[in-house]
Protein backbone atom coordinates (compact mmCIF):
# COMPACT_ATOMS: atom_id res chain seq x y z
CA GLN A 1 -5.00 -19.97 24.33
CA VAL A 2 -7.17 -19.86 27.28
CA ARG A 3 -10.98 -20.09 26.73
CA LEU A 4 -13.70 -19.00 29.50
CA VAL A 5 -17.37 -19.51 29.36
CA GLU A 6 -19.74 -18.03 31.72
CA SER A 7 -22.90 -19.56 32.71
CA GLY A 8 -25.58 -19.14 35.77
CA GLY A 9 -27.15 -15.81 34.57
CA GLY A 10 -30.93 -15.04 34.60
CA TRP A 11 -33.44 -13.31 35.95
CA VAL A 12 -34.77 -12.88 39.79
CA GLN A 13 -36.25 -10.88 42.54
CA ALA A 14 -34.48 -8.24 44.51
CA GLY A 15 -33.13 -9.92 47.66
CA GLY A 16 -32.61 -13.26 45.44
CA SER A 17 -29.83 -15.14 44.77
CA LEU A 18 -27.93 -16.42 41.56
CA ARG A 19 -24.66 -18.17 41.41
CA LEU A 20 -22.05 -17.57 37.94
CA SER A 21 -20.21 -20.18 36.80
CA CYS A 22 -16.79 -19.61 34.60
CA VAL A 23 -15.24 -22.56 33.05
CA ALA A 24 -11.75 -22.16 31.81
CA SER A 25 -10.65 -24.71 29.12
CA GLY A 26 -7.12 -24.67 27.03
CA ARG A 27 -3.71 -23.56 28.42
CA THR A 28 -5.38 -22.76 31.93
CA PHE A 29 -1.67 -23.86 33.45
CA GLY A 30 0.00 -20.85 34.93
CA ASN A 31 -3.03 -18.79 34.98
CA ASN A 32 -2.58 -17.31 38.30
CA ARG A 33 -5.73 -15.00 38.61
CA MET A 34 -9.35 -14.75 37.47
CA ALA A 35 -12.19 -12.05 37.99
CA TRP A 36 -15.73 -11.05 37.23
CA PHE A 37 -16.59 -7.69 35.68
CA ARG A 38 -19.88 -6.46 34.45
CA GLN A 39 -21.38 -3.91 32.49
CA ALA A 40 -24.97 -2.45 32.10
CA PRO A 41 -26.41 -0.37 29.34
CA GLY A 42 -24.69 2.82 28.84
CA LYS A 43 -22.03 2.54 31.41
CA GLU A 44 -18.37 1.60 31.62
CA ARG A 45 -17.19 -2.20 32.39
CA GLU A 46 -16.47 -2.32 36.10
CA PHE A 47 -14.80 -4.79 38.56
CA VAL A 48 -16.75 -7.09 40.62
CA ALA A 49 -14.48 -9.49 42.27
CA GLY A 50 -11.09 -11.04 41.78
CA VAL A 51 -8.95 -13.76 43.00
CA TYR A 52 -5.55 -14.89 43.11
CA PHE A 53 -4.94 -18.44 43.02
CA SER A 54 -1.44 -18.85 44.30
CA ILE A 55 -2.24 -16.93 47.38
CA GLY A 56 -5.64 -17.60 48.14
CA TRP A 57 -6.08 -13.86 48.29
CA THR A 58 -9.91 -12.03 46.84
CA THR A 59 -11.15 -8.79 46.48
CA TYR A 60 -14.34 -6.98 45.90
CA ALA A 61 -15.76 -3.96 44.74
CA ASP A 62 -17.13 -1.99 47.66
CA SER A 63 -20.88 -2.34 46.06
CA VAL A 64 -20.69 -5.98 46.35
CA LYS A 65 -18.95 -6.73 49.64
CA GLY A 66 -20.99 -8.74 51.92
CA ARG A 67 -23.22 -9.67 49.22
CA PHE A 68 -21.03 -11.37 46.52
CA THR A 69 -18.35 -14.00 47.23
CA ILE A 70 -15.81 -15.54 44.55
CA SER A 71 -14.60 -18.88 44.66
CA ARG A 72 -12.67 -21.63 42.97
CA ASP A 73 -12.94 -25.47 42.00
CA ASN A 74 -9.77 -26.31 40.95
CA ALA A 75 -10.66 -29.57 39.86
CA LYS A 76 -12.87 -28.18 37.39
CA ASN A 77 -11.04 -25.28 36.51
CA THR A 78 -14.22 -23.27 37.19
CA VAL A 79 -14.66 -19.94 39.32
CA TYR A 80 -17.75 -19.20 40.75
CA LEU A 81 -19.45 -15.65 41.86
CA GLN A 82 -22.25 -16.64 44.38
CA MET A 83 -24.45 -13.41 44.34
CA ASN A 84 -26.69 -13.05 47.39
CA SER A 85 -28.81 -10.13 48.33
CA LEU A 86 -29.42 -9.02 44.74
CA LYS A 87 -30.22 -5.35 43.70
CA PRO A 88 -31.84 -4.12 40.73
CA GLU A 89 -28.78 -1.67 40.22
CA ASP A 90 -26.83 -5.47 39.82
CA THR A 91 -28.83 -5.88 36.69
CA ALA A 92 -25.65 -6.25 33.95
CA LEU A 93 -23.67 -8.47 31.56
CA TYR A 94 -21.41 -10.44 33.76
CA TYR A 95 -18.14 -11.23 32.39
CA CYS A 96 -15.26 -13.49 33.80
CA ALA A 97 -11.88 -12.71 32.89
CA GLY A 98 -8.14 -14.35 33.40
CA GLY A 99 -4.17 -14.09 32.72
CA GLY A 100 -2.44 -10.71 31.81
CA GLY A 101 -1.19 -9.04 34.68
CA GLY A 102 -1.67 -5.59 36.51
CA ASN A 103 -4.17 -4.53 39.13
CA VAL A 104 -6.77 -7.21 39.65
CA ASP A 105 -9.68 -4.58 38.80
CA GLN A 106 -8.32 -3.10 35.74
CA ALA A 107 -10.03 -4.71 32.77
CA LEU A 108 -7.32 -3.57 30.20
CA GLY A 109 -5.13 -5.87 32.11
CA TYR A 110 -6.73 -9.30 31.33
CA THR A 111 -6.14 -11.42 28.67
CA TYR A 112 -8.94 -14.08 28.22
CA TRP A 113 -12.56 -12.96 28.30
CA GLY A 114 -15.84 -14.85 28.00
CA GLN A 115 -18.60 -13.88 26.27
CA GLY A 116 -21.00 -12.88 29.39
CA THR A 117 -23.94 -14.04 31.50
CA GLN A 118 -27.00 -11.88 31.66
CA VAL A 119 -28.29 -10.81 35.25
CA THR A 120 -31.46 -9.01 35.47
CA VAL A 121 -32.98 -7.96 38.92
CA SER A 122 -36.38 -6.60 39.23
CA SER A 123 -37.87 -4.48 41.88
């Protein structure tokens, strides 16, 4: 089992920045990918960013390209999501996910999920 714990959410004004963290514990060996998803009230969960560790490949949703950056600290078993130039439409509960298979932007393919951290951006 792999446990994922997110942190770093909060309230910020439009144009501000936040950095989310996701710490993985447990049987993390062999977990080759991690991703961030978000879900706003009344909307479906959507892909934000993903990373494949073995090849260092990252991908982003069009809505966050150029503003968000996903990265990993191997020594700390932590994945980060640096969010800059935040907009009110970025307001959502942000989740990290890992393991599983399939397309990196498909939530159903992930095995492990964190509990989420709330990000609120005011205009």
